[in-house]
Amino acid sequence: MRAPQDCKTMAELRLAIDALDQNLIDLLAQRAAYIDRAAVLKTGDGLPARIGSRVEEVVTNVRRCAGGRGLDPDLAEELWRKLIDWSISREEKILGPSVPAD
């Protein structure tokens, strides 16, 4: 894949963006599989879908990572909070509604 500065036309740029979008979808699908596994493991461990301290740990990590890569940490946090909420909803289909552990 070409670096953004190496794209000479909008068509080249769009192809690169489309390829990145496909990669992001692949990664999100992979993440969803881990979420499904987490729900199974949480069932065995008696854990709820939402664990507040883990949510905040993930958000902190994402903000730090985003900032280190030149991405707006506020944007990353907003996107990840939506992703986390979606993930928790997915887990709750297996575990039932969360009663916060902390």
N, C-alpha and C. Protein backbone atom coordinates (compact mmCIF):
# COMPACT_ATOMS: atom_id res chain seq x y z
N MET A 1 0.85 -1.17 0.00
CA MET A 1 0.00 0.00 0.00
C MET A 1 0.90 1.24 0.00
N ARG A 2 0.50 2.20 -0.77
CA ARG A 2 1.27 3.44 -0.85
C ARG A 2 1.06 4.31 0.37
N ALA A 3 2.10 5.03 0.71
CA ALA A 3 1.98 6.05 1.76
C ALA A 3 1.13 7.19 1.22
N PRO A 4 0.42 7.89 2.09
CA PRO A 4 -0.45 8.98 1.61
C PRO A 4 0.29 9.97 0.70
N GLN A 5 1.51 10.35 1.06
CA GLN A 5 2.24 11.33 0.27
C GLN A 5 2.66 10.79 -1.10
N ASP A 6 2.61 9.46 -1.27
CA ASP A 6 2.98 8.87 -2.56
C ASP A 6 1.80 8.71 -3.51
N CYS A 7 0.60 8.96 -3.03
CA CYS A 7 -0.59 8.89 -3.89
C CYS A 7 -0.62 10.15 -4.75
N LYS A 8 -0.66 9.94 -6.06
CA LYS A 8 -0.60 11.08 -6.99
C LYS A 8 -1.98 11.51 -7.49
N THR A 9 -2.98 10.63 -7.33
CA THR A 9 -4.33 10.95 -7.80
C THR A 9 -5.34 10.60 -6.72
N MET A 10 -6.52 11.16 -6.85
CA MET A 10 -7.59 10.81 -5.92
C MET A 10 -7.96 9.34 -6.06
N ALA A 11 -7.87 8.80 -7.28
CA ALA A 11 -8.19 7.37 -7.47
C ALA A 11 -7.23 6.50 -6.66
N GLU A 12 -5.94 6.81 -6.68
CA GLU A 12 -4.96 6.05 -5.90
C GLU A 12 -5.24 6.20 -4.40
N LEU A 13 -5.54 7.41 -4.00
CA LEU A 13 -5.82 7.67 -2.59
C LEU A 13 -7.06 6.91 -2.13
N ARG A 14 -8.09 6.92 -2.95
CA ARG A 14 -9.32 6.21 -2.60
C ARG A 14 -9.11 4.70 -2.51
N LEU A 15 -8.30 4.15 -3.40
CA LEU A 15 -7.99 2.73 -3.33
C LEU A 15 -7.28 2.38 -2.03
N ALA A 16 -6.36 3.23 -1.63
CA ALA A 16 -5.64 3.01 -0.37
C ALA A 16 -6.59 3.10 0.82
N ILE A 17 -7.47 4.08 0.81
CA ILE A 17 -8.44 4.23 1.90
C ILE A 17 -9.37 3.02 1.95
N ASP A 18 -9.83 2.57 0.78
CA ASP A 18 -10.71 1.39 0.72
C ASP A 18 -10.00 0.16 1.28
N ALA A 19 -8.71 0.00 0.97
CA ALA A 19 -7.94 -1.13 1.49
C ALA A 19 -7.81 -1.03 3.01
N LEU A 20 -7.56 0.16 3.51
CA LEU A 20 -7.49 0.36 4.96
C LEU A 20 -8.82 0.03 5.62
N ASP A 21 -9.91 0.47 5.00
CA ASP A 21 -11.24 0.17 5.56
C ASP A 21 -11.46 -1.33 5.65
N GLN A 22 -11.06 -2.08 4.63
CA GLN A 22 -11.20 -3.54 4.67
C GLN A 22 -10.36 -4.12 5.80
N ASN A 23 -9.15 -3.60 5.98
CA ASN A 23 -8.30 -4.07 7.08
C ASN A 23 -8.94 -3.77 8.43
N LEU A 24 -9.53 -2.59 8.57
CA LEU A 24 -10.20 -2.24 9.83
C LEU A 24 -11.37 -3.18 10.11
N ILE A 25 -12.14 -3.50 9.08
CA ILE A 25 -13.27 -4.43 9.24
C ILE A 25 -12.75 -5.80 9.67
N ASP A 26 -11.66 -6.26 9.05
CA ASP A 26 -11.08 -7.54 9.43
C ASP A 26 -10.66 -7.52 10.91
N LEU A 27 -10.03 -6.42 11.34
CA LEU A 27 -9.60 -6.32 12.73
C LEU A 27 -10.78 -6.26 13.69
N LEU A 28 -11.83 -5.54 13.31
CA LEU A 28 -13.02 -5.47 14.15
C LEU A 28 -13.70 -6.83 14.27
N ALA A 29 -13.74 -7.57 13.17
CA ALA A 29 -14.31 -8.92 13.22
C ALA A 29 -13.48 -9.82 14.12
N GLN A 30 -12.17 -9.68 14.05
CA GLN A 30 -11.28 -10.45 14.92
C GLN A 30 -11.50 -10.07 16.38
N ARG A 31 -11.65 -8.77 16.63
CA ARG A 31 -11.90 -8.30 18.00
C ARG A 31 -13.22 -8.88 18.53
N ALA A 32 -14.23 -8.93 17.66
CA ALA A 32 -15.53 -9.48 18.07
C ALA A 32 -15.40 -10.94 18.47
N ALA A 33 -14.55 -11.69 17.80
CA ALA A 33 -14.34 -13.08 18.17
C ALA A 33 -13.72 -13.18 19.57
N TYR A 34 -12.82 -12.26 19.89
CA TYR A 34 -12.25 -12.24 21.24
C TYR A 34 -13.30 -11.85 22.27
N ILE A 35 -14.19 -10.95 21.91
CA ILE A 35 -15.29 -10.56 22.80
C ILE A 35 -16.18 -11.77 23.07
N ASP A 36 -16.48 -12.54 22.04
CA ASP A 36 -17.30 -13.73 22.23
C ASP A 36 -16.61 -14.72 23.17
N ARG A 37 -15.31 -14.86 23.04
CA ARG A 37 -14.56 -15.75 23.93
C ARG A 37 -14.57 -15.21 25.36
N ALA A 38 -14.44 -13.89 25.48
CA ALA A 38 -14.47 -13.27 26.81
C ALA A 38 -15.78 -13.58 27.51
N ALA A 39 -16.88 -13.55 26.77
CA ALA A 39 -18.18 -13.85 27.38
C ALA A 39 -18.22 -15.27 27.92
N VAL A 40 -17.65 -16.20 27.18
CA VAL A 40 -17.61 -17.59 27.64
C VAL A 40 -16.76 -17.71 28.90
N LEU A 41 -15.59 -17.08 28.89
CA LEU A 41 -14.71 -17.14 30.06
C LEU A 41 -15.32 -16.43 31.26
N LYS A 42 -15.98 -15.30 31.02
CA LYS A 42 -16.63 -14.58 32.12
C LYS A 42 -17.74 -15.42 32.75
N THR A 43 -18.45 -16.19 31.93
CA THR A 43 -19.50 -17.06 32.45
C THR A 43 -18.91 -18.03 33.47
N GLY A 44 -17.80 -18.64 33.10
CA GLY A 44 -17.14 -19.59 34.00
C GLY A 44 -16.58 -18.95 35.25
N ASP A 45 -16.18 -17.69 35.12
CA ASP A 45 -15.58 -16.98 36.26
C ASP A 45 -16.60 -16.17 37.06
N GLY A 46 -17.85 -16.17 36.61
CA GLY A 46 -18.89 -15.43 37.31
C GLY A 46 -18.74 -13.91 37.21
N LEU A 47 -18.15 -13.44 36.12
CA LEU A 47 -17.93 -12.01 35.93
C LEU A 47 -19.04 -11.40 35.07
N PRO A 48 -19.35 -10.13 35.30
CA PRO A 48 -20.34 -9.44 34.47
C PRO A 48 -19.70 -8.99 33.15
N ALA A 49 -20.54 -8.61 32.21
CA ALA A 49 -20.04 -8.10 30.93
C ALA A 49 -19.28 -6.80 31.14
N ARG A 50 -19.84 -5.89 31.92
CA ARG A 50 -19.21 -4.58 32.14
C ARG A 50 -18.40 -4.61 33.43
N ILE A 51 -17.11 -4.38 33.27
CA ILE A 51 -16.23 -4.23 34.43
C ILE A 51 -15.61 -2.84 34.28
N GLY A 52 -16.13 -1.91 35.09
CA GLY A 52 -15.79 -0.50 34.93
C GLY A 52 -14.30 -0.22 34.91
N SER A 53 -13.55 -0.86 35.78
CA SER A 53 -12.11 -0.60 35.82
C SER A 53 -11.43 -1.03 34.53
N ARG A 54 -11.89 -2.12 33.93
CA ARG A 54 -11.32 -2.58 32.65
C ARG A 54 -11.69 -1.63 31.53
N VAL A 55 -12.92 -1.14 31.53
CA VAL A 55 -13.33 -0.16 30.52
C VAL A 55 -12.39 1.04 30.56
N GLU A 56 -12.15 1.56 31.75
CA GLU A 56 -11.30 2.75 31.86
C GLU A 56 -9.84 2.43 31.51
N GLU A 57 -9.39 1.23 31.81
CA GLU A 57 -8.04 0.82 31.43
C GLU A 57 -7.89 0.80 29.90
N VAL A 58 -8.89 0.24 29.22
CA VAL A 58 -8.86 0.20 27.76
C VAL A 58 -8.85 1.61 27.19
N VAL A 59 -9.71 2.48 27.71
CA VAL A 59 -9.78 3.86 27.21
C VAL A 59 -8.46 4.59 27.44
N THR A 60 -7.87 4.42 28.59
CA THR A 60 -6.58 5.05 28.88
C THR A 60 -5.52 4.57 27.90
N ASN A 61 -5.48 3.27 27.65
CA ASN A 61 -4.51 2.71 26.70
C ASN A 61 -4.73 3.26 25.29
N VAL A 62 -5.97 3.35 24.89
CA VAL A 62 -6.30 3.84 23.55
C VAL A 62 -5.91 5.32 23.42
N ARG A 63 -6.20 6.11 24.41
CA ARG A 63 -5.84 7.53 24.37
C ARG A 63 -4.32 7.70 24.25
N ARG A 64 -3.59 6.94 25.03
CA ARG A 64 -2.12 7.02 25.01
C ARG A 64 -1.59 6.59 23.63
N CYS A 65 -2.11 5.50 23.13
CA CYS A 65 -1.68 4.99 21.83
C CYS A 65 -2.01 5.99 20.72
N ALA A 66 -3.21 6.53 20.74
CA ALA A 66 -3.63 7.50 19.72
C ALA A 66 -2.72 8.72 19.75
N GLY A 67 -2.49 9.26 20.93
CA GLY A 67 -1.65 10.44 21.05
C GLY A 67 -0.25 10.20 20.54
N GLY A 68 0.26 9.00 20.79
CA GLY A 68 1.60 8.66 20.34
C GLY A 68 1.72 8.47 18.84
N ARG A 69 0.58 8.32 18.18
CA ARG A 69 0.58 8.11 16.73
C ARG A 69 0.00 9.30 15.96
N GLY A 70 -0.21 10.40 16.67
CA GLY A 70 -0.69 11.60 16.00
C GLY A 70 -2.18 11.63 15.73
N LEU A 71 -2.94 10.75 16.38
CA LEU A 71 -4.40 10.75 16.25
C LEU A 71 -4.99 11.45 17.46
N ASP A 72 -6.02 12.22 17.26
CA ASP A 72 -6.67 12.95 18.34
C ASP A 72 -7.17 11.96 19.40
N PRO A 73 -6.64 12.03 20.63
CA PRO A 73 -7.07 11.11 21.68
C PRO A 73 -8.56 11.21 22.00
N ASP A 74 -9.15 12.40 21.88
CA ASP A 74 -10.59 12.54 22.13
C ASP A 74 -11.40 11.75 21.11
N LEU A 75 -10.98 11.80 19.85
CA LEU A 75 -11.65 11.03 18.81
C LEU A 75 -11.51 9.54 19.08
N ALA A 76 -10.30 9.11 19.40
CA ALA A 76 -10.08 7.69 19.69
C ALA A 76 -10.94 7.23 20.86
N GLU A 77 -11.00 8.05 21.90
CA GLU A 77 -11.82 7.68 23.06
C GLU A 77 -13.28 7.57 22.67
N GLU A 78 -13.78 8.52 21.92
CA GLU A 78 -15.19 8.47 21.50
C GLU A 78 -15.49 7.21 20.70
N LEU A 79 -14.62 6.88 19.76
CA LEU A 79 -14.82 5.68 18.95
C LEU A 79 -14.76 4.42 19.82
N TRP A 80 -13.77 4.36 20.70
CA TRP A 80 -13.61 3.16 21.52
C TRP A 80 -14.72 3.01 22.54
N ARG A 81 -15.22 4.09 23.09
CA ARG A 81 -16.34 3.95 24.03
C ARG A 81 -17.55 3.35 23.32
N LYS A 82 -17.77 3.73 22.06
CA LYS A 82 -18.86 3.13 21.29
C LYS A 82 -18.57 1.65 21.05
N LEU A 83 -17.32 1.34 20.71
CA LEU A 83 -16.94 -0.04 20.48
C LEU A 83 -17.08 -0.87 21.76
N ILE A 84 -16.66 -0.31 22.87
CA ILE A 84 -16.78 -1.00 24.15
C ILE A 84 -18.25 -1.23 24.50
N ASP A 85 -19.08 -0.22 24.32
CA ASP A 85 -20.51 -0.39 24.61
C ASP A 85 -21.12 -1.49 23.74
N TRP A 86 -20.74 -1.50 22.46
CA TRP A 86 -21.22 -2.54 21.55
C TRP A 86 -20.75 -3.91 22.04
N SER A 87 -19.48 -3.97 22.44
CA SER A 87 -18.91 -5.24 22.91
C SER A 87 -19.62 -5.74 24.16
N ILE A 88 -19.90 -4.84 25.08
CA ILE A 88 -20.60 -5.22 26.31
C ILE A 88 -22.01 -5.71 25.99
N SER A 89 -22.68 -5.04 25.08
CA SER A 89 -24.02 -5.49 24.66
C SER A 89 -23.95 -6.89 24.07
N ARG A 90 -22.92 -7.14 23.30
CA ARG A 90 -22.72 -8.46 22.69
C ARG A 90 -22.53 -9.52 23.78
N GLU A 91 -21.69 -9.20 24.77
CA GLU A 91 -21.47 -10.13 25.88
C GLU A 91 -22.74 -10.36 26.68
N GLU A 92 -23.52 -9.30 26.88
CA GLU A 92 -24.75 -9.42 27.68
C GLU A 92 -25.77 -10.35 27.04
N LYS A 93 -25.67 -10.58 25.75
CA LYS A 93 -26.56 -11.55 25.11
C LYS A 93 -26.30 -12.95 25.63
N ILE A 94 -25.07 -13.18 26.08
CA ILE A 94 -24.70 -14.48 26.65
C ILE A 94 -24.83 -14.45 28.17
N LEU A 95 -24.35 -13.36 28.78
CA LEU A 95 -24.25 -13.28 30.24
C LEU A 95 -25.48 -12.72 30.94
N GLY A 96 -26.31 -12.02 30.19
CA GLY A 96 -27.40 -11.27 30.80
C GLY A 96 -26.94 -9.88 31.17
N PRO A 97 -27.86 -9.01 31.55
CA PRO A 97 -27.52 -7.62 31.87
C PRO A 97 -26.48 -7.52 32.98
N SER A 98 -25.61 -6.52 32.83
CA SER A 98 -24.53 -6.33 33.79
C SER A 98 -25.02 -5.68 35.08
N VAL A 99 -24.48 -6.17 36.15
CA VAL A 99 -24.54 -5.50 37.44
C VAL A 99 -23.09 -5.14 37.71
N PRO A 100 -22.75 -3.84 37.69
CA PRO A 100 -21.35 -3.46 37.75
C PRO A 100 -20.58 -4.14 38.90
N ALA A 101 -19.37 -4.63 38.53
CA ALA A 101 -18.50 -5.27 39.52
C ALA A 101 -17.71 -4.23 40.28
N ASP A 102 -17.53 -3.06 39.69
CA ASP A 102 -16.83 -1.96 40.37
C ASP A 102 -17.21 -0.64 39.74
